[in-house]
Amino acid sequence: MSNDNSSFAALTPLPTPVERLREQVLDGRGRFAVLGALLTIWIMDTVLSRHLVDSGAVANNVELLDRLEWIGTSIFVVTSITLVIALYQKNMRRLVHVAAIYLMYAIVQVVVNVISMLTTADTHHGGGLSTLWDVAFVYAMSVIVFMFVYVFLDLTTPGGAFVWPARDGEEAPTPNLLDYLFISMNVNSTYGPTSEAIMSRPGKLIMGLQVILAISMLTVLISRAVAATN
């Protein structure tokens, strides 16, 4: 009987990295990580939008950013309540839908911020390089938002959106936020792919969008740096 049990255990496939991650999201501290991600994105966007408006960095788009800020706050409140209910009911389908809506809106906010800074990049003169921190903040927000987007893609793609490498003879590790942060920073820096291969076609399109935004932010940084020192 023991031999039969050991043979059955040997034939039973081990859970994949993304399956282990999915279990963590629905149980214990993983629930708080989801809510923490939502809160982090909302705080970063609110602080950034307020600064861009108050400093006059995006004078041509003040009304648009104000409107987006109020919409973002409303979406944050509604999605937070819905996510809490979905997490404690372990309703993965509702969790996916709500998270998708919020992450899509977060991406729109990043795009709007980048475009707003592009259209006003030539209006800043003097002030020194210390005035460039808002460009760095937009860059950081892009990294964080897309990090959570990649987590979402990996959790919702059948078989996972990424192939996680493992040492010879060892089980592939369960990914965590640091792994997704590494992927997002690699894409945002545009210096090449990471050690994790992406298998999701929607993920490849999203990576392409992130690269375009990163190049745009680099353009803003160079233009603002030249203007700030003149």
C-alpha atoms as a PDB file:
ATOM      1  CA  MET A   1       0.000   0.000   0.000  1.00  0.00           C
ATOM      2  CA  SER A   2       2.823   2.407   0.831  1.00  0.00           C
ATOM      3  CA  ASN A   3       4.399   1.740  -2.553  1.00  0.00           C
ATOM      4  CA  ASP A   4       1.078   2.514  -4.256  1.00  0.00           C
ATOM      5  CA  ASN A   5       0.764   5.759  -2.318  1.00  0.00           C
ATOM      6  CA  SER A   6       4.301   6.820  -3.178  1.00  0.00           C
ATOM      7  CA  SER A   7       3.700   6.012  -6.848  1.00  0.00           C
ATOM      8  CA  PHE A   8       0.486   8.048  -6.822  1.00  0.00           C
ATOM      9  CA  ALA A   9       2.296  10.972  -5.179  1.00  0.00           C
ATOM     10  CA  ALA A  10       5.028  10.789  -7.785  1.00  0.00           C
ATOM     11  CA  LEU A  11       2.448  10.932 -10.593  1.00  0.00           C
ATOM     12  CA  THR A  12       0.498  13.821  -9.043  1.00  0.00           C
ATOM     13  CA  PRO A  13       1.645  17.069 -10.677  1.00  0.00           C
ATOM     14  CA  LEU A  14       2.993  19.687  -8.312  1.00  0.00           C
ATOM     15  CA  PRO A  15       1.205  23.040  -8.245  1.00  0.00           C
ATOM     16  CA  THR A  16       2.704  25.579 -10.612  1.00  0.00           C
ATOM     17  CA  PRO A  17       4.231  28.822  -9.287  1.00  0.00           C
ATOM     18  CA  VAL A  18       1.194  30.849 -10.330  1.00  0.00           C
ATOM     19  CA  GLU A  19      -1.179  28.333  -8.690  1.00  0.00           C
ATOM     20  CA  ARG A  20       0.701  28.730  -5.419  1.00  0.00           C
ATOM     21  CA  LEU A  21       0.576  32.493  -5.786  1.00  0.00           C
ATOM     22  CA  ARG A  22      -3.165  32.376  -6.435  1.00  0.00           C
ATOM     23  CA  GLU A  23      -3.685  30.464  -3.205  1.00  0.00           C
ATOM     24  CA  GLN A  24      -1.694  33.079  -1.310  1.00  0.00           C
ATOM     25  CA  VAL A  25      -3.784  35.897  -2.766  1.00  0.00           C
ATOM     26  CA  LEU A  26      -7.036  34.321  -1.640  1.00  0.00           C
ATOM     27  CA  ASP A  27      -5.822  33.394   1.840  1.00  0.00           C
ATOM     28  CA  GLY A  28      -4.165  35.093   4.781  1.00  0.00           C
ATOM     29  CA  ARG A  29      -1.796  37.974   4.210  1.00  0.00           C
ATOM     30  CA  GLY A  30      -2.304  37.851   0.455  1.00  0.00           C
ATOM     31  CA  ARG A  31      -5.667  39.545   0.904  1.00  0.00           C
ATOM     32  CA  PHE A  32      -4.044  42.510   2.599  1.00  0.00           C
ATOM     33  CA  ALA A  33      -1.423  42.666  -0.162  1.00  0.00           C
ATOM     34  CA  VAL A  34      -4.184  43.142  -2.755  1.00  0.00           C
ATOM     35  CA  LEU A  35      -5.758  45.976  -0.768  1.00  0.00           C
ATOM     36  CA  GLY A  36      -2.310  47.458  -0.129  1.00  0.00           C
ATOM     37  CA  ALA A  37      -1.636  47.469  -3.869  1.00  0.00           C
ATOM     38  CA  LEU A  38      -4.885  49.311  -4.507  1.00  0.00           C
ATOM     39  CA  LEU A  39      -4.110  51.870  -1.802  1.00  0.00           C
ATOM     40  CA  THR A  40      -0.535  52.391  -3.039  1.00  0.00           C
ATOM     41  CA  ILE A  41      -1.641  53.174  -6.595  1.00  0.00           C
ATOM     42  CA  TRP A  42      -4.356  55.564  -5.401  1.00  0.00           C
ATOM     43  CA  ILE A  43      -2.022  57.454  -3.029  1.00  0.00           C
ATOM     44  CA  MET A  44       0.718  57.798  -5.659  1.00  0.00           C
ATOM     45  CA  ASP A  45      -1.691  59.055  -8.295  1.00  0.00           C
ATOM     46  CA  THR A  46      -3.421  61.501  -5.916  1.00  0.00           C
ATOM     47  CA  VAL A  47      -0.134  62.975  -4.674  1.00  0.00           C
ATOM     48  CA  LEU A  48       1.237  63.248  -8.209  1.00  0.00           C
ATOM     49  CA  SER A  49      -1.927  64.814  -9.659  1.00  0.00           C
ATOM     50  CA  ARG A  50      -2.083  67.382  -6.860  1.00  0.00           C
ATOM     51  CA  HIS A  51       1.564  68.316  -7.378  1.00  0.00           C
ATOM     52  CA  LEU A  52       1.263  68.616 -11.165  1.00  0.00           C
ATOM     53  CA  VAL A  53      -1.773  70.868 -10.812  1.00  0.00           C
ATOM     54  CA  ASP A  54      -0.479  73.019  -7.924  1.00  0.00           C
ATOM     55  CA  SER A  55       2.969  73.517  -9.465  1.00  0.00           C
ATOM     56  CA  GLY A  56       1.587  74.494 -12.863  1.00  0.00           C
ATOM     57  CA  ALA A  57       3.578  71.725 -14.524  1.00  0.00           C
ATOM     58  CA  VAL A  58       0.536  70.766 -16.609  1.00  0.00           C
ATOM     59  CA  ALA A  59      -1.217  74.099 -16.904  1.00  0.00           C
ATOM     60  CA  ASN A  60      -2.947  73.088 -20.132  1.00  0.00           C
ATOM     61  CA  ASN A  61      -4.635  70.040 -18.593  1.00  0.00           C
ATOM     62  CA  VAL A  62      -5.668  71.129 -15.107  1.00  0.00           C
ATOM     63  CA  GLU A  63      -9.379  70.460 -15.585  1.00  0.00           C
ATOM     64  CA  LEU A  64      -8.723  67.013 -17.040  1.00  0.00           C
ATOM     65  CA  LEU A  65      -6.426  66.009 -14.170  1.00  0.00           C
ATOM     66  CA  ASP A  66      -8.880  67.346 -11.564  1.00  0.00           C
ATOM     67  CA  ARG A  67     -11.686  65.348 -13.141  1.00  0.00           C
ATOM     68  CA  LEU A  68      -9.558  62.213 -13.315  1.00  0.00           C
ATOM     69  CA  GLU A  69      -8.584  62.631  -9.671  1.00  0.00           C
ATOM     70  CA  TRP A  70     -12.214  62.715  -8.545  1.00  0.00           C
ATOM     71  CA  ILE A  71     -13.112  59.786 -10.796  1.00  0.00           C
ATOM     72  CA  GLY A  72     -10.100  57.866  -9.500  1.00  0.00           C
ATOM     73  CA  THR A  73     -11.117  58.454  -5.882  1.00  0.00           C
ATOM     74  CA  SER A  74     -14.663  57.272  -6.606  1.00  0.00           C
ATOM     75  CA  ILE A  75     -13.397  54.160  -8.385  1.00  0.00           C
ATOM     76  CA  PHE A  76     -10.982  53.506  -5.502  1.00  0.00           C
ATOM     77  CA  VAL A  77     -13.774  53.573  -2.909  1.00  0.00           C
ATOM     78  CA  VAL A  78     -16.133  51.370  -4.940  1.00  0.00           C
ATOM     79  CA  THR A  79     -13.482  48.840  -5.957  1.00  0.00           C
ATOM     80  CA  SER A  80     -12.043  48.660  -2.440  1.00  0.00           C
ATOM     81  CA  ILE A  81     -15.418  47.706  -0.975  1.00  0.00           C
ATOM     82  CA  THR A  82     -16.071  45.214  -3.766  1.00  0.00           C
ATOM     83  CA  LEU A  83     -12.583  43.703  -3.456  1.00  0.00           C
ATOM     84  CA  VAL A  84     -12.938  43.208   0.287  1.00  0.00           C
ATOM     85  CA  ILE A  85     -16.202  41.324  -0.262  1.00  0.00           C
ATOM     86  CA  ALA A  86     -14.750  39.261  -3.130  1.00  0.00           C
ATOM     87  CA  LEU A  87     -11.593  38.379  -1.174  1.00  0.00           C
ATOM     88  CA  TYR A  88     -13.417  37.168   1.913  1.00  0.00           C
ATOM     89  CA  GLN A  89     -15.920  35.245  -0.190  1.00  0.00           C
ATOM     90  CA  LYS A  90     -12.986  33.860  -2.213  1.00  0.00           C
ATOM     91  CA  ASN A  91     -14.879  34.871  -5.340  1.00  0.00           C
ATOM     92  CA  MET A  92     -12.052  34.815  -7.878  1.00  0.00           C
ATOM     93  CA  ARG A  93     -14.257  35.786 -10.807  1.00  0.00           C
ATOM     94  CA  ARG A  94     -15.496  38.987  -9.170  1.00  0.00           C
ATOM     95  CA  LEU A  95     -12.002  39.739  -7.911  1.00  0.00           C
ATOM     96  CA  VAL A  96     -10.608  39.497 -11.449  1.00  0.00           C
ATOM     97  CA  HIS A  97     -13.283  41.783 -12.919  1.00  0.00           C
ATOM     98  CA  VAL A  98     -12.906  44.469 -10.273  1.00  0.00           C
ATOM     99  CA  ALA A  99      -9.099  44.385 -10.342  1.00  0.00           C
ATOM    100  CA  ALA A 100      -9.131  44.604 -14.153  1.00  0.00           C
ATOM    101  CA  ILE A 101     -11.292  47.742 -14.066  1.00  0.00           C
ATOM    102  CA  TYR A 102      -9.078  49.479 -11.534  1.00  0.00           C
ATOM    103  CA  LEU A 103      -5.800  48.545 -13.212  1.00  0.00           C
ATOM    104  CA  MET A 104      -7.084  49.695 -16.601  1.00  0.00           C
ATOM    105  CA  TYR A 105      -7.981  53.050 -15.078  1.00  0.00           C
ATOM    106  CA  ALA A 106      -4.565  53.233 -13.386  1.00  0.00           C
ATOM    107  CA  ILE A 107      -2.880  52.713 -16.763  1.00  0.00           C
ATOM    108  CA  VAL A 108      -5.035  55.477 -18.265  1.00  0.00           C
ATOM    109  CA  GLN A 109      -3.907  57.801 -15.471  1.00  0.00           C
ATOM    110  CA  VAL A 110      -0.242  57.044 -16.175  1.00  0.00           C
ATOM    111  CA  VAL A 111      -0.769  57.691 -19.896  1.00  0.00           C
ATOM    112  CA  VAL A 112      -2.564  60.994 -19.203  1.00  0.00           C
ATOM    113  CA  ASN A 113       0.192  62.125 -16.818  1.00  0.00           C
ATOM    114  CA  VAL A 114       2.905  61.338 -19.357  1.00  0.00           C
ATOM    115  CA  ILE A 115       1.059  63.076 -22.207  1.00  0.00           C
ATOM    116  CA  SER A 116       0.383  66.110 -19.985  1.00  0.00           C
ATOM    117  CA  MET A 117       4.083  66.388 -19.154  1.00  0.00           C
ATOM    118  CA  LEU A 118       5.049  65.940 -22.810  1.00  0.00           C
ATOM    119  CA  THR A 119       2.817  68.820 -23.910  1.00  0.00           C
ATOM    120  CA  THR A 120       4.338  71.197 -21.334  1.00  0.00           C
ATOM    121  CA  ALA A 121       7.956  70.010 -21.371  1.00  0.00           C
ATOM    122  CA  ASP A 122       9.181  73.183 -23.081  1.00  0.00           C
ATOM    123  CA  THR A 123       7.504  75.623 -20.670  1.00  0.00           C
ATOM    124  CA  HIS A 124       9.877  75.100 -17.730  1.00  0.00           C
ATOM    125  CA  HIS A 125      12.926  77.322 -17.591  1.00  0.00           C
ATOM    126  CA  GLY A 126      15.360  77.763 -14.720  1.00  0.00           C
ATOM    127  CA  GLY A 127      14.890  76.334 -11.243  1.00  0.00           C
ATOM    128  CA  GLY A 128      17.698  73.807 -11.475  1.00  0.00           C
ATOM    129  CA  LEU A 129      17.633  70.026 -11.637  1.00  0.00           C
ATOM    130  CA  SER A 130      15.818  69.785  -8.284  1.00  0.00           C
ATOM    131  CA  THR A 131      12.591  70.635 -10.131  1.00  0.00           C
ATOM    132  CA  LEU A 132      12.728  67.337 -12.033  1.00  0.00           C
ATOM    133  CA  TRP A 133      11.485  65.159  -9.175  1.00  0.00           C
ATOM    134  CA  ASP A 134       7.961  65.039 -10.629  1.00  0.00           C
ATOM    135  CA  VAL A 135       9.341  63.310 -13.743  1.00  0.00           C
ATOM    136  CA  ALA A 136      10.989  60.743 -11.480  1.00  0.00           C
ATOM    137  CA  PHE A 137       7.712  60.317  -9.607  1.00  0.00           C
ATOM    138  CA  VAL A 138       5.792  59.647 -12.839  1.00  0.00           C
ATOM    139  CA  TYR A 139       8.500  57.131 -13.782  1.00  0.00           C
ATOM    140  CA  ALA A 140       8.180  55.408 -10.400  1.00  0.00           C
ATOM    141  CA  MET A 141       4.401  55.345 -10.654  1.00  0.00           C
ATOM    142  CA  SER A 142       4.662  53.693 -14.061  1.00  0.00           C
ATOM    143  CA  VAL A 143       6.922  50.990 -12.603  1.00  0.00           C
ATOM    144  CA  ILE A 144       4.537  50.322  -9.690  1.00  0.00           C
ATOM    145  CA  VAL A 145       1.340  50.304 -11.758  1.00  0.00           C
ATOM    146  CA  PHE A 146       2.742  47.937 -14.385  1.00  0.00           C
ATOM    147  CA  MET A 147       4.207  45.723 -11.649  1.00  0.00           C
ATOM    148  CA  PHE A 148       0.678  45.083 -10.372  1.00  0.00           C
ATOM    149  CA  VAL A 149      -0.575  44.668 -13.939  1.00  0.00           C
ATOM    150  CA  TYR A 150       1.941  41.852 -14.451  1.00  0.00           C
ATOM    151  CA  VAL A 151       0.832  40.216 -11.215  1.00  0.00           C
ATOM    152  CA  PHE A 152      -2.749  40.388 -12.473  1.00  0.00           C
ATOM    153  CA  LEU A 153      -1.804  38.951 -15.867  1.00  0.00           C
ATOM    154  CA  ASP A 154       0.090  36.076 -14.302  1.00  0.00           C
ATOM    155  CA  LEU A 155      -2.803  35.213 -11.994  1.00  0.00           C
ATOM    156  CA  THR A 156      -5.468  35.339 -14.696  1.00  0.00           C
ATOM    157  CA  THR A 157      -3.647  33.719 -17.628  1.00  0.00           C
ATOM    158  CA  PRO A 158      -4.211  29.937 -17.862  1.00  0.00           C
ATOM    159  CA  GLY A 159      -0.886  28.344 -16.961  1.00  0.00           C
ATOM    160  CA  GLY A 160       0.529  31.745 -16.043  1.00  0.00           C
ATOM    161  CA  ALA A 161       1.727  34.664 -18.161  1.00  0.00           C
ATOM    162  CA  PHE A 162       5.397  34.082 -17.309  1.00  0.00           C
ATOM    163  CA  VAL A 163       7.765  31.120 -17.229  1.00  0.00           C
ATOM    164  CA  TRP A 164       9.642  31.238 -13.932  1.00  0.00           C
ATOM    165  CA  PRO A 165      13.156  29.756 -14.120  1.00  0.00           C
ATOM    166  CA  ALA A 166      14.437  27.303 -11.533  1.00  0.00           C
ATOM    167  CA  ARG A 167      17.781  25.767 -10.636  1.00  0.00           C
ATOM    168  CA  ASP A 168      18.482  22.309 -12.037  1.00  0.00           C
ATOM    169  CA  GLY A 169      16.577  19.664 -10.122  1.00  0.00           C
ATOM    170  CA  GLU A 170      14.659  22.211  -8.036  1.00  0.00           C
ATOM    171  CA  GLU A 171      11.049  23.320  -8.096  1.00  0.00           C
ATOM    172  CA  ALA A 172      10.327  26.718  -9.621  1.00  0.00           C
ATOM    173  CA  PRO A 173       9.913  29.299  -6.836  1.00  0.00           C
ATOM    174  CA  THR A 174       6.634  30.991  -6.023  1.00  0.00           C
ATOM    175  CA  PRO A 175       6.850  34.525  -7.466  1.00  0.00           C
ATOM    176  CA  ASN A 176       6.424  37.533  -5.205  1.00  0.00           C
ATOM    177  CA  LEU A 177       6.194  41.307  -5.664  1.00  0.00           C
ATOM    178  CA  LEU A 178       9.969  41.659  -5.913  1.00  0.00           C
ATOM    179  CA  ASP A 179       9.973  39.377  -8.977  1.00  0.00           C
ATOM    180  CA  TYR A 180       7.269  41.416 -10.707  1.00  0.00           C
ATOM    181  CA  LEU A 181       8.980  44.656  -9.695  1.00  0.00           C
ATOM    182  CA  PHE A 182      12.164  43.370 -11.346  1.00  0.00           C
ATOM    183  CA  ILE A 183      10.236  42.652 -14.553  1.00  0.00           C
ATOM    184  CA  SER A 184       8.576  46.074 -14.548  1.00  0.00           C
ATOM    185  CA  MET A 185      11.858  47.903 -13.909  1.00  0.00           C
ATOM    186  CA  ASN A 186      13.527  45.976 -16.732  1.00  0.00           C
ATOM    187  CA  VAL A 187      10.761  46.902 -19.160  1.00  0.00           C
ATOM    188  CA  ASN A 188      10.675  50.520 -17.999  1.00  0.00           C
ATOM    189  CA  SER A 189      14.419  50.896 -18.455  1.00  0.00           C
ATOM    190  CA  THR A 190      14.121  49.390 -21.973  1.00  0.00           C
ATOM    191  CA  TYR A 191      17.464  47.625 -21.677  1.00  0.00           C
ATOM    192  CA  GLY A 192      16.157  44.204 -22.603  1.00  0.00           C
ATOM    193  CA  PRO A 193      14.091  41.243 -21.395  1.00  0.00           C
ATOM    194  CA  THR A 194      14.415  39.705 -17.969  1.00  0.00           C
ATOM    195  CA  SER A 195      15.225  36.116 -17.120  1.00  0.00           C
ATOM    196  CA  GLU A 196      11.488  35.362 -17.022  1.00  0.00           C
ATOM    197  CA  ALA A 197       9.963  34.619 -20.426  1.00  0.00           C
ATOM    198  CA  ILE A 198       6.523  36.099 -21.120  1.00  0.00           C
ATOM    199  CA  MET A 199       4.032  33.772 -22.809  1.00  0.00           C
ATOM    200  CA  SER A 200       0.962  36.037 -22.811  1.00  0.00           C
ATOM    201  CA  ARG A 201       0.179  37.991 -25.986  1.00  0.00           C
ATOM    202  CA  PRO A 202      -1.812  40.651 -24.076  1.00  0.00           C
ATOM    203  CA  GLY A 203       1.196  40.866 -21.757  1.00  0.00           C
ATOM    204  CA  LYS A 204       3.485  41.553 -24.722  1.00  0.00           C
ATOM    205  CA  LEU A 205       1.200  44.379 -25.862  1.00  0.00           C
ATOM    206  CA  ILE A 206       1.197  45.864 -22.367  1.00  0.00           C
ATOM    207  CA  MET A 207       4.983  45.650 -22.230  1.00  0.00           C
ATOM    208  CA  GLY A 208       5.104  47.489 -25.539  1.00  0.00           C
ATOM    209  CA  LEU A 209       2.927  50.256 -24.093  1.00  0.00           C
ATOM    210  CA  GLN A 210       5.173  50.505 -21.043  1.00  0.00           C
ATOM    211  CA  VAL A 211       8.258  50.861 -23.251  1.00  0.00           C
ATOM    212  CA  ILE A 212       6.593  53.676 -25.238  1.00  0.00           C
ATOM    213  CA  LEU A 213       5.701  55.490 -22.011  1.00  0.00           C
ATOM    214  CA  ALA A 214       9.248  55.017 -20.692  1.00  0.00           C
ATOM    215  CA  ILE A 215      10.745  56.515 -23.841  1.00  0.00           C
ATOM    216  CA  SER A 216       8.301  59.415 -23.621  1.00  0.00           C
ATOM    217  CA  MET A 217       9.290  60.064 -20.012  1.00  0.00           C
ATOM    218  CA  LEU A 218      12.957  60.008 -21.013  1.00  0.00           C
ATOM    219  CA  THR A 219      12.157  62.650 -23.648  1.00  0.00           C
ATOM    220  CA  VAL A 220      10.448  64.795 -21.008  1.00  0.00           C
ATOM    221  CA  LEU A 221      13.380  64.352 -18.644  1.00  0.00           C
ATOM    222  CA  ILE A 222      15.944  65.473 -21.233  1.00  0.00           C
ATOM    223  CA  SER A 223      13.836  68.446 -22.353  1.00  0.00           C
ATOM    224  CA  ARG A 224      13.103  69.548 -18.786  1.00  0.00           C
ATOM    225  CA  ALA A 225      16.731  69.084 -17.739  1.00  0.00           C
ATOM    226  CA  VAL A 226      17.924  71.355 -20.557  1.00  0.00           C
ATOM    227  CA  ALA A 227      15.243  73.951 -19.787  1.00  0.00           C
ATOM    228  CA  ALA A 228      15.940  73.840 -16.034  1.00  0.00           C
ATOM    229  CA  THR A 229      19.585  74.732 -16.504  1.00  0.00           C
ATOM    230  CA  ASN A 230      18.940  77.620 -18.916  1.00  0.00           C
END
